[in-house]
Amino acid sequence: MAKADKISPWKGVVSDETGVIKLSGEIDFTNSQMVRDWMTETFAQSQGEVRLDMSDVEYIDSSGLAVLIEVRKALKANGRSIKVTSASLQVHKLFSLTQIGDLFGI
């Protein structure tokens, strides 16, 4: 989790029981590289479809969206997929506005 004053707080957790990846907090230009690195490292330790819970994401900007698209592309190159299983209103709005919800199963 990011803790510096100028970095938006976010958290990533992997559920041991379901294997669902859960992101929460704010994902923006101040922390998108950390989120990307964490997701890449986390996905390298799993197989198959990635299920992503974004129900507790309070804010996401275009740099956060770019991370999701980049991660999806890398997974697809390895024969894997990513699906958002749950999304906050903010995430739904961004996916609707950018018309990429279908890429993530929304």
PDB file of N, CA and C in Angstrom:
ATOM      1  N   MET A   1       0.841  -1.184   0.000  1.00  0.00           N
ATOM      2  CA  MET A   1       0.000   0.000   0.000  1.00  0.00           C
ATOM      3  C   MET A   1       0.880   1.238   0.000  1.00  0.00           C
ATOM      4  N   ALA A   2       0.466   2.207  -0.724  1.00  0.00           N
ATOM      5  CA  ALA A   2       1.201   3.459  -0.797  1.00  0.00           C
ATOM      6  C   ALA A   2       0.966   4.269   0.473  1.00  0.00           C
ATOM      7  N   LYS A   3       2.040   4.888   1.010  1.00  0.00           N
ATOM      8  CA  LYS A   3       1.881   5.620   2.255  1.00  0.00           C
ATOM      9  C   LYS A   3       2.434   7.032   2.221  1.00  0.00           C
ATOM     10  N   ALA A   4       3.167   7.394   1.187  1.00  0.00           N
ATOM     11  CA  ALA A   4       3.757   8.728   1.139  1.00  0.00           C
ATOM     12  C   ALA A   4       2.663   9.785   1.027  1.00  0.00           C
ATOM     13  N   ASP A   5       2.956  10.974   1.553  1.00  0.00           N
ATOM     14  CA  ASP A   5       1.971  12.057   1.563  1.00  0.00           C
ATOM     15  C   ASP A   5       1.427  12.400   0.184  1.00  0.00           C
ATOM     16  N   LYS A   6       2.286  12.399  -0.823  1.00  0.00           N
ATOM     17  CA  LYS A   6       1.860  12.815  -2.152  1.00  0.00           C
ATOM     18  C   LYS A   6       1.318  11.658  -2.986  1.00  0.00           C
ATOM     19  N   ILE A   7       1.296  10.487  -2.435  1.00  0.00           N
ATOM     20  CA  ILE A   7       0.831   9.324  -3.182  1.00  0.00           C
ATOM     21  C   ILE A   7      -0.546   8.914  -2.667  1.00  0.00           C
ATOM     22  N   SER A   8      -1.476   8.743  -3.602  1.00  0.00           N
ATOM     23  CA  SER A   8      -2.833   8.350  -3.242  1.00  0.00           C
ATOM     24  C   SER A   8      -2.828   6.964  -2.608  1.00  0.00           C
ATOM     25  N   PRO A   9      -3.622   6.772  -1.571  1.00  0.00           N
ATOM     26  CA  PRO A   9      -3.663   5.467  -0.906  1.00  0.00           C
ATOM     27  C   PRO A   9      -4.401   4.427  -1.745  1.00  0.00           C
ATOM     28  N   TRP A  10      -3.819   3.264  -1.857  1.00  0.00           N
ATOM     29  CA  TRP A  10      -4.440   2.146  -2.540  1.00  0.00           C
ATOM     30  C   TRP A  10      -4.009   0.864  -1.839  1.00  0.00           C
ATOM     31  N   LYS A  11      -4.698  -0.192  -2.142  1.00  0.00           N
ATOM     32  CA  LYS A  11      -4.372  -1.474  -1.535  1.00  0.00           C
ATOM     33  C   LYS A  11      -4.723  -2.575  -2.523  1.00  0.00           C
ATOM     34  N   GLY A  12      -3.893  -3.582  -2.563  1.00  0.00           N
ATOM     35  CA  GLY A  12      -4.153  -4.763  -3.368  1.00  0.00           C
ATOM     36  C   GLY A  12      -4.070  -5.993  -2.493  1.00  0.00           C
ATOM     37  N   VAL A  13      -5.055  -6.866  -2.599  1.00  0.00           N
ATOM     38  CA  VAL A  13      -5.116  -8.073  -1.777  1.00  0.00           C
ATOM     39  C   VAL A  13      -5.534  -9.245  -2.658  1.00  0.00           C
ATOM     40  N   VAL A  14      -4.955 -10.404  -2.395  1.00  0.00           N
ATOM     41  CA  VAL A  14      -5.358 -11.625  -3.076  1.00  0.00           C
ATOM     42  C   VAL A  14      -6.088 -12.495  -2.069  1.00  0.00           C
ATOM     43  N   SER A  15      -7.314 -12.882  -2.397  1.00  0.00           N
ATOM     44  CA  SER A  15      -8.079 -13.758  -1.513  1.00  0.00           C
ATOM     45  C   SER A  15      -7.542 -15.180  -1.634  1.00  0.00           C
ATOM     46  N   ASP A  16      -7.110 -15.748  -0.510  1.00  0.00           N
ATOM     47  CA  ASP A  16      -6.602 -17.118  -0.505  1.00  0.00           C
ATOM     48  C   ASP A  16      -7.692 -18.123  -0.860  1.00  0.00           C
ATOM     49  N   GLU A  17      -8.910 -17.823  -0.475  1.00  0.00           N
ATOM     50  CA  GLU A  17     -10.012 -18.763  -0.684  1.00  0.00           C
ATOM     51  C   GLU A  17     -10.509 -18.781  -2.122  1.00  0.00           C
ATOM     52  N   THR A  18     -10.657 -17.607  -2.735  1.00  0.00           N
ATOM     53  CA  THR A  18     -11.258 -17.542  -4.064  1.00  0.00           C
ATOM     54  C   THR A  18     -10.246 -17.221  -5.162  1.00  0.00           C
ATOM     55  N   GLY A  19      -9.087 -16.706  -4.806  1.00  0.00           N
ATOM     56  CA  GLY A  19      -8.107 -16.300  -5.792  1.00  0.00           C
ATOM     57  C   GLY A  19      -8.417 -14.972  -6.447  1.00  0.00           C
ATOM     58  N   VAL A  20      -9.467 -14.298  -5.987  1.00  0.00           N
ATOM     59  CA  VAL A  20      -9.850 -13.002  -6.552  1.00  0.00           C
ATOM     60  C   VAL A  20      -8.855 -11.944  -6.093  1.00  0.00           C
ATOM     61  N   ILE A  21      -8.449 -11.103  -7.027  1.00  0.00           N
ATOM     62  CA  ILE A  21      -7.574  -9.973  -6.739  1.00  0.00           C
ATOM     63  C   ILE A  21      -8.481  -8.789  -6.421  1.00  0.00           C
ATOM     64  N   LYS A  22      -8.250  -8.128  -5.286  1.00  0.00           N
ATOM     65  CA  LYS A  22      -9.093  -6.995  -4.913  1.00  0.00           C
ATOM     66  C   LYS A  22      -8.247  -5.738  -4.812  1.00  0.00           C
ATOM     67  N   LEU A  23      -8.669  -4.715  -5.562  1.00  0.00           N
ATOM     68  CA  LEU A  23      -8.042  -3.403  -5.476  1.00  0.00           C
ATOM     69  C   LEU A  23      -8.979  -2.470  -4.737  1.00  0.00           C
ATOM     70  N   SER A  24      -8.410  -1.559  -3.954  1.00  0.00           N
ATOM     71  CA  SER A  24      -9.231  -0.578  -3.250  1.00  0.00           C
ATOM     72  C   SER A  24      -8.475   0.737  -3.152  1.00  0.00           C
ATOM     73  N   GLY A  25      -9.220   1.787  -2.842  1.00  0.00           N
ATOM     74  CA  GLY A  25      -8.630   3.113  -2.678  1.00  0.00           C
ATOM     75  C   GLY A  25      -8.646   3.908  -3.965  1.00  0.00           C
ATOM     76  N   GLU A  26      -7.573   4.657  -4.178  1.00  0.00           N
ATOM     77  CA  GLU A  26      -7.457   5.533  -5.337  1.00  0.00           C
ATOM     78  C   GLU A  26      -6.300   5.078  -6.219  1.00  0.00           C
ATOM     79  N   ILE A  27      -6.560   4.994  -7.502  1.00  0.00           N
ATOM     80  CA  ILE A  27      -5.526   4.616  -8.460  1.00  0.00           C
ATOM     81  C   ILE A  27      -5.409   5.769  -9.445  1.00  0.00           C
ATOM     82  N   ASP A  28      -4.278   6.464  -9.372  1.00  0.00           N
ATOM     83  CA  ASP A  28      -4.071   7.615 -10.237  1.00  0.00           C
ATOM     84  C   ASP A  28      -2.604   7.729 -10.617  1.00  0.00           C
ATOM     85  N   PHE A  29      -2.240   8.841 -11.252  1.00  0.00           N
ATOM     86  CA  PHE A  29      -0.878   9.008 -11.763  1.00  0.00           C
ATOM     87  C   PHE A  29       0.182   8.949 -10.672  1.00  0.00           C
ATOM     88  N   THR A  30      -0.187   9.217  -9.419  1.00  0.00           N
ATOM     89  CA  THR A  30       0.813   9.209  -8.351  1.00  0.00           C
ATOM     90  C   THR A  30       1.210   7.798  -7.922  1.00  0.00           C
ATOM     91  N   ASN A  31       0.373   6.813  -8.224  1.00  0.00           N
ATOM     92  CA  ASN A  31       0.686   5.459  -7.777  1.00  0.00           C
ATOM     93  C   ASN A  31       0.494   4.392  -8.851  1.00  0.00           C
ATOM     94  N   SER A  32       0.161   4.783 -10.060  1.00  0.00           N
ATOM     95  CA  SER A  32      -0.150   3.785 -11.091  1.00  0.00           C
ATOM     96  C   SER A  32       1.026   2.848 -11.373  1.00  0.00           C
ATOM     97  N   GLN A  33       2.251   3.343 -11.304  1.00  0.00           N
ATOM     98  CA  GLN A  33       3.406   2.462 -11.518  1.00  0.00           C
ATOM     99  C   GLN A  33       3.497   1.407 -10.426  1.00  0.00           C
ATOM    100  N   MET A  34       3.236   1.784  -9.184  1.00  0.00           N
ATOM    101  CA  MET A  34       3.249   0.808  -8.083  1.00  0.00           C
ATOM    102  C   MET A  34       2.142  -0.220  -8.255  1.00  0.00           C
ATOM    103  N   VAL A  35       0.976   0.239  -8.668  1.00  0.00           N
ATOM    104  CA  VAL A  35      -0.151  -0.679  -8.900  1.00  0.00           C
ATOM    105  C   VAL A  35       0.212  -1.642 -10.025  1.00  0.00           C
ATOM    106  N   ARG A  36       0.776  -1.132 -11.110  1.00  0.00           N
ATOM    107  CA  ARG A  36       1.197  -1.974 -12.237  1.00  0.00           C
ATOM    108  C   ARG A  36       2.203  -3.026 -11.778  1.00  0.00           C
ATOM    109  N   ASP A  37       3.215  -2.593 -11.035  1.00  0.00           N
ATOM    110  CA  ASP A  37       4.242  -3.524 -10.567  1.00  0.00           C
ATOM    111  C   ASP A  37       3.639  -4.604  -9.673  1.00  0.00           C
ATOM    112  N   TRP A  38       2.750  -4.196  -8.752  1.00  0.00           N
ATOM    113  CA  TRP A  38       2.123  -5.156  -7.848  1.00  0.00           C
ATOM    114  C   TRP A  38       1.265  -6.154  -8.629  1.00  0.00           C
ATOM    115  N   MET A  39       0.473  -5.653  -9.572  1.00  0.00           N
ATOM    116  CA  MET A  39      -0.388  -6.539 -10.356  1.00  0.00           C
ATOM    117  C   MET A  39       0.436  -7.511 -11.193  1.00  0.00           C
ATOM    118  N   THR A  40       1.486  -7.019 -11.829  1.00  0.00           N
ATOM    119  CA  THR A  40       2.344  -7.868 -12.659  1.00  0.00           C
ATOM    120  C   THR A  40       2.972  -8.977 -11.822  1.00  0.00           C
ATOM    121  N   GLU A  41       3.489  -8.615 -10.657  1.00  0.00           N
ATOM    122  CA  GLU A  41       4.102  -9.592  -9.760  1.00  0.00           C
ATOM    123  C   GLU A  41       3.071 -10.599  -9.254  1.00  0.00           C
ATOM    124  N   THR A  42       1.901 -10.116  -8.896  1.00  0.00           N
ATOM    125  CA  THR A  42       0.841 -10.978  -8.380  1.00  0.00           C
ATOM    126  C   THR A  42       0.359 -11.945  -9.453  1.00  0.00           C
ATOM    127  N   PHE A  43       0.158 -11.458 -10.664  1.00  0.00           N
ATOM    128  CA  PHE A  43      -0.343 -12.311 -11.741  1.00  0.00           C
ATOM    129  C   PHE A  43       0.686 -13.353 -12.156  1.00  0.00           C
ATOM    130  N   ALA A  44       1.958 -13.058 -11.974  1.00  0.00           N
ATOM    131  CA  ALA A  44       3.008 -14.015 -12.315  1.00  0.00           C
ATOM    132  C   ALA A  44       2.964 -15.238 -11.401  1.00  0.00           C
ATOM    133  N   GLN A  45       2.312 -15.099 -10.257  1.00  0.00           N
ATOM    134  CA  GLN A  45       2.229 -16.190  -9.291  1.00  0.00           C
ATOM    135  C   GLN A  45       0.924 -16.977  -9.400  1.00  0.00           C
ATOM    136  N   SER A  46       0.167 -16.731 -10.478  1.00  0.00           N
ATOM    137  CA  SER A  46      -1.102 -17.429 -10.649  1.00  0.00           C
ATOM    138  C   SER A  46      -1.209 -17.940 -12.075  1.00  0.00           C
ATOM    139  N   GLN A  47      -2.292 -18.685 -12.320  1.00  0.00           N
ATOM    140  CA  GLN A  47      -2.546 -19.212 -13.653  1.00  0.00           C
ATOM    141  C   GLN A  47      -4.003 -18.984 -13.995  1.00  0.00           C
ATOM    142  N   GLY A  48      -4.323 -19.082 -15.277  1.00  0.00           N
ATOM    143  CA  GLY A  48      -5.703 -18.989 -15.718  1.00  0.00           C
ATOM    144  C   GLY A  48      -6.234 -17.570 -15.714  1.00  0.00           C
ATOM    145  N   GLU A  49      -7.557 -17.487 -15.739  1.00  0.00           N
ATOM    146  CA  GLU A  49      -8.224 -16.190 -15.771  1.00  0.00           C
ATOM    147  C   GLU A  49      -8.007 -15.431 -14.464  1.00  0.00           C
ATOM    148  N   VAL A  50      -7.756 -14.149 -14.593  1.00  0.00           N
ATOM    149  CA  VAL A  50      -7.626 -13.276 -13.429  1.00  0.00           C
ATOM    150  C   VAL A  50      -8.993 -12.668 -13.160  1.00  0.00           C
ATOM    151  N   ARG A  51      -9.453 -12.786 -11.942  1.00  0.00           N
ATOM    152  CA  ARG A  51     -10.720 -12.164 -11.533  1.00  0.00           C
ATOM    153  C   ARG A  51     -10.369 -10.993 -10.628  1.00  0.00           C
ATOM    154  N   LEU A  52     -10.865  -9.820 -11.008  1.00  0.00           N
ATOM    155  CA  LEU A  52     -10.486  -8.573 -10.352  1.00  0.00           C
ATOM    156  C   LEU A  52     -11.710  -7.906  -9.732  1.00  0.00           C
ATOM    157  N   ASP A  53     -11.674  -7.728  -8.429  1.00  0.00           N
ATOM    158  CA  ASP A  53     -12.742  -7.047  -7.690  1.00  0.00           C
ATOM    159  C   ASP A  53     -12.316  -5.592  -7.496  1.00  0.00           C
ATOM    160  N   MET A  54     -13.083  -4.685  -8.083  1.00  0.00           N
ATOM    161  CA  MET A  54     -12.791  -3.261  -7.977  1.00  0.00           C
ATOM    162  C   MET A  54     -13.922  -2.519  -7.266  1.00  0.00           C
ATOM    163  N   SER A  55     -14.677  -3.231  -6.453  1.00  0.00           N
ATOM    164  CA  SER A  55     -15.837  -2.645  -5.786  1.00  0.00           C
ATOM    165  C   SER A  55     -15.455  -1.573  -4.768  1.00  0.00           C
ATOM    166  N   ASP A  56     -14.223  -1.590  -4.272  1.00  0.00           N
ATOM    167  CA  ASP A  56     -13.786  -0.601  -3.286  1.00  0.00           C
ATOM    168  C   ASP A  56     -12.825   0.436  -3.866  1.00  0.00           C
ATOM    169  N   VAL A  57     -12.760   0.518  -5.190  1.00  0.00           N
ATOM    170  CA  VAL A  57     -11.939   1.552  -5.829  1.00  0.00           C
ATOM    171  C   VAL A  57     -12.757   2.839  -5.812  1.00  0.00           C
ATOM    172  N   GLU A  58     -12.261   3.816  -5.064  1.00  0.00           N
ATOM    173  CA  GLU A  58     -12.969   5.088  -4.898  1.00  0.00           C
ATOM    174  C   GLU A  58     -12.718   6.059  -6.042  1.00  0.00           C
ATOM    175  N   TYR A  59     -11.549   5.929  -6.674  1.00  0.00           N
ATOM    176  CA  TYR A  59     -11.194   6.837  -7.760  1.00  0.00           C
ATOM    177  C   TYR A  59     -10.190   6.139  -8.659  1.00  0.00           C
ATOM    178  N   ILE A  60     -10.352   6.320  -9.950  1.00  0.00           N
ATOM    179  CA  ILE A  60      -9.378   5.815 -10.918  1.00  0.00           C
ATOM    180  C   ILE A  60      -9.329   6.811 -12.072  1.00  0.00           C
ATOM    181  N   ASP A  61      -8.123   7.173 -12.482  1.00  0.00           N
ATOM    182  CA  ASP A  61      -7.990   8.111 -13.593  1.00  0.00           C
ATOM    183  C   ASP A  61      -7.457   7.384 -14.823  1.00  0.00           C
ATOM    184  N   SER A  62      -7.113   8.146 -15.842  1.00  0.00           N
ATOM    185  CA  SER A  62      -6.678   7.536 -17.097  1.00  0.00           C
ATOM    186  C   SER A  62      -5.388   6.734 -16.949  1.00  0.00           C
ATOM    187  N   SER A  63      -4.517   7.121 -16.027  1.00  0.00           N
ATOM    188  CA  SER A  63      -3.289   6.346 -15.839  1.00  0.00           C
ATOM    189  C   SER A  63      -3.600   4.993 -15.185  1.00  0.00           C
ATOM    190  N   GLY A  64      -4.595   4.959 -14.315  1.00  0.00           N
ATOM    191  CA  GLY A  64      -5.039   3.687 -13.749  1.00  0.00           C
ATOM    192  C   GLY A  64      -5.676   2.809 -14.808  1.00  0.00           C
ATOM    193  N   LEU A  65      -6.440   3.422 -15.674  1.00  0.00           N
ATOM    194  CA  LEU A  65      -7.054   2.702 -16.784  1.00  0.00           C
ATOM    195  C   LEU A  65      -5.973   2.148 -17.711  1.00  0.00           C
ATOM    196  N   ALA A  66      -4.944   2.934 -17.961  1.00  0.00           N
ATOM    197  CA  ALA A  66      -3.832   2.483 -18.803  1.00  0.00           C
ATOM    198  C   ALA A  66      -3.151   1.262 -18.201  1.00  0.00           C
ATOM    199  N   VAL A  67      -3.029   1.224 -16.878  1.00  0.00           N
ATOM    200  CA  VAL A  67      -2.448   0.063 -16.199  1.00  0.00           C
ATOM    201  C   VAL A  67      -3.293  -1.173 -16.472  1.00  0.00           C
ATOM    202  N   LEU A  68      -4.608  -1.044 -16.329  1.00  0.00           N
ATOM    203  CA  LEU A  68      -5.491  -2.188 -16.567  1.00  0.00           C
ATOM    204  C   LEU A  68      -5.382  -2.698 -18.001  1.00  0.00           C
ATOM    205  N   ILE A  69      -5.332  -1.784 -18.947  1.00  0.00           N
ATOM    206  CA  ILE A  69      -5.215  -2.174 -20.353  1.00  0.00           C
ATOM    207  C   ILE A  69      -3.866  -2.840 -20.621  1.00  0.00           C
ATOM    208  N   GLU A  70      -2.818  -2.295 -20.044  1.00  0.00           N
ATOM    209  CA  GLU A  70      -1.479  -2.866 -20.216  1.00  0.00           C
ATOM    210  C   GLU A  70      -1.397  -4.267 -19.620  1.00  0.00           C
ATOM    211  N   VAL A  71      -1.948  -4.439 -18.418  1.00  0.00           N
ATOM    212  CA  VAL A  71      -1.936  -5.745 -17.766  1.00  0.00           C
ATOM    213  C   VAL A  71      -2.760  -6.744 -18.571  1.00  0.00           C
ATOM    214  N   ARG A  72      -3.914  -6.298 -19.074  1.00  0.00           N
ATOM    215  CA  ARG A  72      -4.758  -7.173 -19.890  1.00  0.00           C
ATOM    216  C   ARG A  72      -3.992  -7.641 -21.125  1.00  0.00           C
ATOM    217  N   LYS A  73      -3.289  -6.727 -21.772  1.00  0.00           N
ATOM    218  CA  LYS A  73      -2.519  -7.061 -22.974  1.00  0.00           C
ATOM    219  C   LYS A  73      -1.440  -8.100 -22.662  1.00  0.00           C
ATOM    220  N   ALA A  74      -0.738  -7.922 -21.549  1.00  0.00           N
ATOM    221  CA  ALA A  74       0.308  -8.873 -21.150  1.00  0.00           C
ATOM    222  C   ALA A  74      -0.285 -10.244 -20.841  1.00  0.00           C
ATOM    223  N   LEU A  75      -1.411 -10.265 -20.142  1.00  0.00           N
ATOM    224  CA  LEU A  75      -2.069 -11.539 -19.838  1.00  0.00           C
ATOM    225  C   LEU A  75      -2.510 -12.232 -21.122  1.00  0.00           C
ATOM    226  N   LYS A  76      -3.117 -11.473 -22.020  1.00  0.00           N
ATOM    227  CA  LYS A  76      -3.607 -12.029 -23.286  1.00  0.00           C
ATOM    228  C   LYS A  76      -2.457 -12.623 -24.099  1.00  0.00           C
ATOM    229  N   ALA A  77      -1.298 -11.977 -24.076  1.00  0.00           N
ATOM    230  CA  ALA A  77      -0.129 -12.479 -24.794  1.00  0.00           C
ATOM    231  C   ALA A  77       0.316 -13.840 -24.263  1.00  0.00           C
ATOM    232  N   ASN A  78      -0.061 -14.136 -23.023  1.00  0.00           N
ATOM    233  CA  ASN A  78       0.274 -15.421 -22.403  1.00  0.00           C
ATOM    234  C   ASN A  78      -0.923 -16.368 -22.369  1.00  0.00           C
ATOM    235  N   GLY A  79      -1.938 -16.070 -23.170  1.00  0.00           N
ATOM    236  CA  GLY A  79      -3.099 -16.945 -23.257  1.00  0.00           C
ATOM    237  C   GLY A  79      -4.023 -16.864 -22.058  1.00  0.00           C
ATOM    238  N   ARG A  80      -3.963 -15.769 -21.333  1.00  0.00           N
ATOM    239  CA  ARG A  80      -4.792 -15.595 -20.140  1.00  0.00           C
ATOM    240  C   ARG A  80      -5.758 -14.438 -20.351  1.00  0.00           C
ATOM    241  N   SER A  81      -6.698 -14.309 -19.441  1.00  0.00           N
ATOM    242  CA  SER A  81      -7.672 -13.223 -19.538  1.00  0.00           C
ATOM    243  C   SER A  81      -7.867 -12.587 -18.169  1.00  0.00           C
ATOM    244  N   ILE A  82      -8.537 -11.451 -18.172  1.00  0.00           N
ATOM    245  CA  ILE A  82      -8.853 -10.738 -16.937  1.00  0.00           C
ATOM    246  C   ILE A  82     -10.311 -10.312 -16.999  1.00  0.00           C
ATOM    247  N   LYS A  83     -10.995 -10.479 -15.900  1.00  0.00           N
ATOM    248  CA  LYS A  83     -12.403 -10.100 -15.818  1.00  0.00           C
ATOM    249  C   LYS A  83     -12.633  -9.341 -14.522  1.00  0.00           C
ATOM    250  N   VAL A  84     -13.285  -8.189 -14.639  1.00  0.00           N
ATOM    251  CA  VAL A  84     -13.675  -7.436 -13.451  1.00  0.00           C
ATOM    252  C   VAL A  84     -14.975  -8.062 -12.949  1.00  0.00           C
ATOM    253  N   THR A  85     -14.930  -8.603 -11.738  1.00  0.00           N
ATOM    254  CA  THR A  85     -16.090  -9.309 -11.191  1.00  0.00           C
ATOM    255  C   THR A  85     -17.034  -8.388 -10.448  1.00  0.00           C
ATOM    256  N   SER A  86     -16.510  -7.275  -9.972  1.00  0.00           N
ATOM    257  CA  SER A  86     -17.310  -6.309  -9.230  1.00  0.00           C
ATOM    258  C   SER A  86     -16.634  -4.956  -9.367  1.00  0.00           C
ATOM    259  N   ALA A  87     -17.445  -3.910  -9.542  1.00  0.00           N
ATOM    260  CA  ALA A  87     -16.863  -2.586  -9.768  1.00  0.00           C
ATOM    261  C   ALA A  87     -17.664  -1.511  -9.058  1.00  0.00           C
ATOM    262  N   SER A  88     -16.962  -0.528  -8.557  1.00  0.00           N
ATOM    263  CA  SER A  88     -17.600   0.632  -7.929  1.00  0.00           C
ATOM    264  C   SER A  88     -18.255   1.492  -9.004  1.00  0.00           C
ATOM    265  N   LEU A  89     -19.061   2.426  -8.569  1.00  0.00           N
ATOM    266  CA  LEU A  89     -19.709   3.345  -9.497  1.00  0.00           C
ATOM    267  C   LEU A  89     -18.663   4.122 -10.295  1.00  0.00           C
ATOM    268  N   GLN A  90     -17.585   4.544  -9.650  1.00  0.00           N
ATOM    269  CA  GLN A  90     -16.514   5.271 -10.318  1.00  0.00           C
ATOM    270  C   GLN A  90     -15.913   4.445 -11.448  1.00  0.00           C
ATOM    271  N   VAL A  91     -15.663   3.175 -11.188  1.00  0.00           N
ATOM    272  CA  VAL A  91     -15.084   2.300 -12.212  1.00  0.00           C
ATOM    273  C   VAL A  91     -16.078   2.120 -13.358  1.00  0.00           C
ATOM    274  N   HIS A  92     -17.338   1.879 -13.020  1.00  0.00           N
ATOM    275  CA  HIS A  92     -18.369   1.743 -14.059  1.00  0.00           C
ATOM    276  C   HIS A  92     -18.442   2.994 -14.932  1.00  0.00           C
ATOM    277  N   LYS A  93     -18.392   4.156 -14.310  1.00  0.00           N
ATOM    278  CA  LYS A  93     -18.459   5.404 -15.068  1.00  0.00           C
ATOM    279  C   LYS A  93     -17.294   5.519 -16.044  1.00  0.00           C
ATOM    280  N   LEU A  94     -16.082   5.238 -15.576  1.00  0.00           N
ATOM    281  CA  LEU A  94     -14.909   5.344 -16.433  1.00  0.00           C
ATOM    282  C   LEU A  94     -14.964   4.332 -17.569  1.00  0.00           C
ATOM    283  N   PHE A  95     -15.351   3.099 -17.269  1.00  0.00           N
ATOM    284  CA  PHE A  95     -15.436   2.079 -18.306  1.00  0.00           C
ATOM    285  C   PHE A  95     -16.521   2.427 -19.324  1.00  0.00           C
ATOM    286  N   SER A  96     -17.611   3.002 -18.860  1.00  0.00           N
ATOM    287  CA  SER A  96     -18.687   3.409 -19.761  1.00  0.00           C
ATOM    288  C   SER A  96     -18.247   4.584 -20.629  1.00  0.00           C
ATOM    289  N   LEU A  97     -17.617   5.560 -20.021  1.00  0.00           N
ATOM    290  CA  LEU A  97     -17.160   6.752 -20.726  1.00  0.00           C
ATOM    291  C   LEU A  97     -16.147   6.388 -21.815  1.00  0.00           C
ATOM    292  N   THR A  98     -15.253   5.474 -21.502  1.00  0.00           N
ATOM    293  CA  THR A  98     -14.197   5.090 -22.446  1.00  0.00           C
ATOM    294  C   THR A  98     -14.617   3.929 -23.347  1.00  0.00           C
ATOM    295  N   GLN A  99     -15.759   3.356 -23.094  1.00  0.00           N
ATOM    296  CA  GLN A  99     -16.324   2.265 -23.887  1.00  0.00           C
ATOM    297  C   GLN A  99     -15.408   1.039 -23.959  1.00  0.00           C
ATOM    298  N   ILE A 100     -14.779   0.716 -22.834  1.00  0.00           N
ATOM    299  CA  ILE A 100     -13.914  -0.474 -22.819  1.00  0.00           C
ATOM    300  C   ILE A 100     -14.418  -1.536 -21.835  1.00  0.00           C
ATOM    301  N   GLY A 101     -15.591  -1.355 -21.297  1.00  0.00           N
ATOM    302  CA  GLY A 101     -16.121  -2.318 -20.347  1.00  0.00           C
ATOM    303  C   GLY A 101     -16.135  -3.742 -20.877  1.00  0.00           C
ATOM    304  N   ASP A 102     -16.420  -3.906 -22.164  1.00  0.00           N
ATOM    305  CA  ASP A 102     -16.456  -5.251 -22.753  1.00  0.00           C
ATOM    306  C   ASP A 102     -15.118  -5.969 -22.657  1.00  0.00           C
ATOM    307  N   LEU A 103     -14.025  -5.211 -22.689  1.00  0.00           N
ATOM    308  CA  LEU A 103     -12.693  -5.830 -22.582  1.00  0.00           C
ATOM    309  C   LEU A 103     -12.493  -6.511 -21.239  1.00  0.00           C
ATOM    310  N   PHE A 104     -13.236  -6.054 -20.229  1.00  0.00           N
ATOM    311  CA  PHE A 104     -13.072  -6.567 -18.872  1.00  0.00           C
ATOM    312  C   PHE A 104     -14.316  -7.274 -18.359  1.00  0.00           C
ATOM    313  N   GLY A 105     -15.237  -7.584 -19.256  1.00  0.00           N
ATOM    314  CA  GLY A 105     -16.428  -8.327 -18.880  1.00  0.00           C
ATOM    315  C   GLY A 105     -17.482  -7.505 -18.151  1.00  0.00           C
ATOM    316  N   ILE A 106     -17.445  -6.194 -18.318  1.00  0.00           N
ATOM    317  CA  ILE A 106     -18.434  -5.330 -17.674  1.00  0.00           C
ATOM    318  C   ILE A 106     -19.452  -4.891 -18.712  1.00  0.00           C
TER     319      ILE A 106
END
